[in-house]
């Protein structure tokens, strides 16, 4: 981020507080906890950091640390609240394609009920489909399709896209059937459990489906997408 915090105004620092407040509202962190994460130590007892931060009177070096931590861990939320303070440096053609052509709301996350093998708690459709999961929490995906389809999945984390090895033997391509909306499944038709163990923050999952496998891209590349594809995505935030 290219913000020069040595000359940041009180308004800049107050705006940063509102971003931190928004991040706190969408996570299990408090603003004080965000500050401690950014500073790398506990806040000193007897110092009213929060009031100073809220009013824009927090020191510029401390504001710089908070800004850097939020930019690293919660850039999507921060950009939505204050795009001038938090520009999206990693926006590219693929990101733009997903935003412009992706379908949001049909692809869902389903949590496994602990103690009950391969059973999933039903979740009602939400008008806001974004999901929060804890690190280590088991889940799978849910997407109803009208036809038996070939599919490929990609995951974005910290601006980088990666193919998801959900097919047989770790391949990227796999199949979806109209009679089974949960995936991935193994060779015996049982749901496979997915888990995120270490990467906190916002992840975007994208699945592209097509009747013809040759229409699917093998990597996030606009030139490799055929005409007969449908793209679904969901944003998931992983918390501690």
Protein backbone atom coordinates (compact mmCIF):
# COMPACT_ATOMS: atom_id res chain seq x y z
CA UNK A 1 0.00 0.00 0.00
CA UNK A 2 1.36 3.40 -0.92
CA UNK A 3 -0.33 5.54 1.74
CA UNK A 4 2.21 7.85 3.39
CA UNK A 5 1.26 7.59 7.04
CA UNK A 6 3.98 10.06 8.09
CA UNK A 7 1.69 12.83 6.83
CA UNK A 8 -1.67 11.19 7.56
CA UNK A 9 -4.33 13.64 8.76
CA UNK A 10 -6.67 13.10 11.70
CA UNK A 11 -9.39 12.37 9.15
CA UNK A 12 -7.23 9.64 7.60
CA UNK A 13 -6.66 8.06 10.99
CA UNK A 14 -10.33 8.36 11.97
CA UNK A 15 -11.27 6.70 8.65
CA UNK A 16 -8.84 3.89 9.50
CA UNK A 17 -10.70 3.41 12.79
CA UNK A 18 -13.99 2.94 10.91
CA UNK A 19 -12.32 0.29 8.76
CA UNK A 20 -11.01 -1.47 11.86
CA UNK A 21 -14.49 -1.28 13.39
CA UNK A 22 -15.98 -2.87 10.26
CA UNK A 23 -13.37 -5.63 10.30
CA UNK A 24 -14.16 -6.26 13.97
CA UNK A 25 -17.87 -6.45 13.18
CA UNK A 26 -17.29 -9.18 10.59
CA UNK A 27 -14.85 -11.27 12.63
CA UNK A 28 -14.49 -12.52 16.18
CA UNK A 29 -11.92 -9.79 16.91
CA UNK A 30 -12.42 -6.54 18.80
CA UNK A 31 -10.79 -3.29 17.66
CA UNK A 32 -8.43 -3.62 20.63
CA UNK A 33 -7.48 -7.14 19.49
CA UNK A 34 -6.79 -5.82 15.97
CA UNK A 35 -4.52 -3.19 17.46
CA UNK A 36 -2.67 -5.79 19.51
CA UNK A 37 -2.21 -7.98 16.45
CA UNK A 38 -0.85 -4.99 14.53
CA UNK A 39 1.49 -3.85 17.31
CA UNK A 40 2.67 -7.32 18.23
CA UNK A 41 2.03 -6.82 21.96
CA UNK A 42 -0.73 -6.24 24.48
CA UNK A 43 -2.08 -2.71 24.90
CA UNK A 44 -0.73 -0.88 27.91
CA UNK A 45 -3.12 -0.67 30.84
CA UNK A 46 -4.28 2.87 31.57
CA UNK A 47 -3.80 4.19 28.03
CA UNK A 48 -7.00 5.03 26.18
CA UNK A 49 -5.92 3.78 22.76
CA UNK A 50 -9.46 3.23 21.59
CA UNK A 51 -10.65 6.81 22.16
CA UNK A 52 -7.52 8.19 20.53
CA UNK A 53 -7.98 5.89 17.57
CA UNK A 54 -11.67 6.72 17.21
CA UNK A 55 -11.00 10.46 17.19
CA UNK A 56 -8.09 10.21 14.75
CA UNK A 57 -5.53 11.19 17.39
CA UNK A 58 -3.67 7.87 17.39
CA UNK A 59 0.01 8.20 16.54
CA UNK A 60 0.94 7.95 12.88
CA UNK A 61 3.44 5.08 13.39
CA UNK A 62 0.72 3.07 15.15
CA UNK A 63 -1.77 3.91 12.38
CA UNK A 64 0.73 2.63 9.84
CA UNK A 65 1.03 -0.69 11.69
CA UNK A 66 -2.75 -1.08 11.91
CA UNK A 67 -3.15 -0.25 8.23
CA UNK A 68 -0.50 -2.80 7.22
CA UNK A 69 -2.09 -5.56 9.32
CA UNK A 70 -5.59 -4.92 7.94
CA UNK A 71 -4.26 -4.76 4.38
CA UNK A 72 -2.60 -8.15 4.81
CA UNK A 73 -5.45 -9.96 6.55
CA UNK A 74 -8.72 -8.22 5.57
CA UNK A 75 -8.14 -6.35 2.32
CA UNK A 76 -11.52 -7.20 0.76
CA UNK A 77 -13.48 -5.78 3.71
CA UNK A 78 -11.21 -2.76 4.00
CA UNK A 79 -11.42 -1.96 0.30
CA UNK A 80 -15.21 -2.09 0.42
CA UNK A 81 -15.25 0.44 3.30
CA UNK A 82 -12.41 2.75 2.29
CA UNK A 83 -11.10 2.10 -1.23
CA UNK A 84 -8.84 5.17 -1.15
CA UNK A 85 -7.03 3.92 1.96
CA UNK A 86 -7.08 0.31 0.77
CA UNK A 87 -6.80 0.06 -3.02
CA UNK A 88 -6.94 -3.44 -4.48
CA UNK A 89 -3.47 -3.92 -5.87
CA UNK A 90 -4.11 -7.44 -7.11
CA UNK A 91 -7.17 -6.78 -9.26
CA UNK A 92 -6.69 -8.39 -12.66
CA UNK A 93 -8.70 -9.51 -15.66
CA UNK A 94 -9.72 -12.80 -14.04
CA UNK A 95 -10.99 -11.06 -10.90
CA UNK A 96 -13.00 -8.71 -13.08
CA UNK A 97 -14.45 -11.61 -15.08
CA UNK A 98 -15.58 -13.39 -11.91
CA UNK A 99 -17.22 -10.23 -10.57
CA UNK A 100 -18.92 -9.48 -13.90
CA UNK A 101 -20.05 -12.96 -14.95
CA UNK A 102 -20.11 -15.02 -11.75
CA UNK A 103 -23.33 -16.20 -10.10
CA UNK A 104 -23.41 -15.54 -6.37
CA UNK A 105 -25.93 -17.17 -4.06
CA UNK A 106 -26.37 -20.67 -5.48
CA UNK A 107 -23.00 -22.10 -4.47
CA UNK A 108 -23.12 -22.78 -0.72
CA UNK A 109 -21.01 -24.15 2.10
CA UNK A 110 -22.33 -27.04 4.19
CA UNK A 111 -20.88 -27.89 7.57
CA UNK A 112 -20.49 -31.48 8.71
CA UNK A 113 -22.25 -32.35 11.95
CA UNK A 114 -19.64 -33.66 14.33
CA UNK A 115 -20.11 -37.24 15.39
CA UNK A 116 -22.34 -38.15 12.45
CA UNK A 117 -20.37 -39.51 9.52
CA UNK A 118 -21.23 -37.90 6.19
CA UNK A 119 -24.35 -36.17 7.48
CA UNK A 120 -24.77 -32.48 6.85
CA UNK A 121 -26.87 -29.98 8.71
CA UNK A 122 -29.39 -28.33 6.40
CA UNK A 123 -28.91 -24.62 5.96
CA UNK A 124 -31.65 -22.40 4.57
CA UNK A 125 -30.82 -20.25 1.58
CA UNK A 126 -29.50 -16.86 2.59
CA UNK A 127 -29.87 -13.58 0.78
CA UNK A 128 -26.23 -13.00 1.77
CA UNK A 129 -24.45 -16.27 1.05
CA UNK A 130 -21.01 -15.38 2.43
CA UNK A 131 -19.91 -17.75 5.20
CA UNK A 132 -17.63 -17.70 8.22
CA UNK A 133 -15.82 -20.92 9.17
CA UNK A 134 -13.33 -21.65 11.90
CA UNK A 135 -9.92 -23.05 11.08
CA UNK A 136 -10.20 -26.83 11.31
CA UNK A 137 -13.98 -26.86 10.77
CA UNK A 138 -15.04 -29.53 8.29
CA UNK A 139 -17.19 -28.57 5.33
CA UNK A 140 -18.12 -29.37 1.74
CA UNK A 141 -19.71 -27.46 -1.13
CA UNK A 142 -23.33 -27.50 -2.28
CA UNK A 143 -24.51 -26.56 -5.76
CA UNK A 144 -27.62 -27.74 -7.58
CA UNK A 145 -27.10 -28.26 -11.31
CA UNK A 146 -29.75 -28.90 -13.95
CA UNK A 147 -27.60 -31.34 -15.90
CA UNK A 148 -24.68 -33.69 -15.33
CA UNK A 149 -21.72 -31.38 -15.66
CA UNK A 150 -17.97 -31.27 -15.77
CA UNK A 151 -16.48 -28.84 -13.28
CA UNK A 152 -13.24 -27.20 -12.21
CA UNK A 153 -12.61 -25.12 -9.09
CA UNK A 154 -10.26 -22.26 -8.27
CA UNK A 155 -9.51 -20.58 -4.94
CA UNK A 156 -8.25 -17.05 -4.36
CA UNK A 157 -6.33 -16.09 -1.24
CA UNK A 158 -4.39 -12.84 -0.77
CA UNK A 159 -4.81 -11.98 -4.44
CA UNK A 160 -3.40 -15.26 -5.77
CA UNK A 161 -5.48 -17.90 -7.59
CA UNK A 162 -4.94 -21.64 -7.23
CA UNK A 163 -6.58 -24.66 -8.86
CA UNK A 164 -8.45 -26.90 -6.40
CA UNK A 165 -7.54 -30.62 -6.63
CA UNK A 166 -11.06 -32.00 -6.13
CA UNK A 167 -11.01 -34.59 -8.93
CA UNK A 168 -9.79 -38.17 -8.85
CA UNK A 169 -6.14 -38.59 -7.87
CA UNK A 170 -5.83 -34.89 -7.12
CA UNK A 171 -6.78 -33.63 -10.57
CA UNK A 172 -8.59 -30.32 -11.02
CA UNK A 173 -11.44 -31.59 -13.21
CA UNK A 174 -14.35 -33.45 -11.62
CA UNK A 175 -18.01 -34.22 -12.27
CA UNK A 176 -21.23 -32.87 -10.78
CA UNK A 177 -24.53 -34.71 -11.11
CA UNK A 178 -28.04 -33.32 -11.06
CA UNK A 179 -29.10 -35.76 -8.33
CA UNK A 180 -26.27 -34.98 -5.85
CA UNK A 181 -25.63 -31.31 -5.04
CA UNK A 182 -22.90 -31.93 -2.42
CA UNK A 183 -19.26 -32.20 -3.44
CA UNK A 184 -16.53 -33.32 -3.53
CA UNK A 185 -17.36 -37.03 -3.43
CA UNK A 186 -15.00 -39.98 -3.49
CA UNK A 187 -15.03 -42.95 -5.86
CA UNK A 188 -17.70 -44.63 -3.72
CA UNK A 189 -20.08 -41.67 -3.85
CA UNK A 190 -19.45 -40.53 -0.25
CA UNK A 191 -18.93 -36.90 0.64
CA UNK A 192 -15.33 -35.91 1.26
CA UNK A 193 -14.59 -33.49 4.06
CA UNK A 194 -12.64 -30.33 3.37
CA UNK A 195 -10.84 -28.26 5.97
CA UNK A 196 -8.69 -25.13 6.14
CA UNK A 197 -6.00 -25.47 8.78
CA UNK A 198 -3.82 -22.38 8.57
CA UNK A 199 -4.79 -19.55 6.19
CA UNK A 200 -6.89 -17.02 8.10
CA UNK A 201 -8.90 -14.42 6.25
CA UNK A 202 -11.06 -14.15 3.17
CA UNK A 203 -11.01 -16.89 0.53
CA UNK A 204 -12.97 -16.81 -2.72
CA UNK A 205 -14.06 -20.16 -4.17
CA UNK A 206 -15.03 -20.29 -7.84
CA UNK A 207 -16.47 -23.28 -9.69
CA UNK A 208 -16.97 -23.34 -13.44
CA UNK A 209 -19.32 -25.94 -14.90
CA UNK A 210 -20.02 -27.04 -18.47
CA UNK A 211 -21.60 -29.91 -20.34
CA UNK A 212 -18.47 -30.21 -22.50
CA UNK A 213 -15.19 -30.67 -20.62
CA UNK A 214 -13.31 -28.89 -23.41
CA UNK A 215 -15.10 -25.64 -22.49
CA UNK A 216 -13.44 -25.60 -19.05
CA UNK A 217 -10.21 -23.72 -18.38
CA UNK A 218 -7.35 -25.57 -16.68
CA UNK A 219 -6.21 -22.34 -15.00
CA UNK A 220 -7.68 -18.87 -14.28
CA UNK A 221 -7.31 -17.65 -17.87
CA UNK A 222 -10.03 -15.86 -19.82
CA UNK A 223 -8.71 -17.10 -23.16
CA UNK A 224 -9.29 -20.73 -22.11
CA UNK A 225 -12.99 -20.41 -21.24
CA UNK A 226 -15.48 -21.88 -23.70
CA UNK A 227 -18.88 -20.40 -24.50
CA UNK A 228 -20.98 -23.03 -22.75
CA UNK A 229 -19.84 -22.41 -19.18
CA UNK A 230 -21.50 -21.22 -16.00
CA UNK A 231 -19.46 -19.70 -13.17
CA UNK A 232 -20.47 -19.78 -9.48
CA UNK A 233 -18.59 -18.26 -6.57
CA UNK A 234 -18.75 -17.73 -2.82
CA UNK A 235 -16.61 -15.79 -0.36
CA UNK A 236 -15.66 -17.55 2.87
CA UNK A 237 -13.83 -16.02 5.81
CA UNK A 238 -11.81 -18.36 8.01
CA UNK A 239 -11.49 -17.36 11.66
CA UNK A 240 -9.61 -18.67 14.67
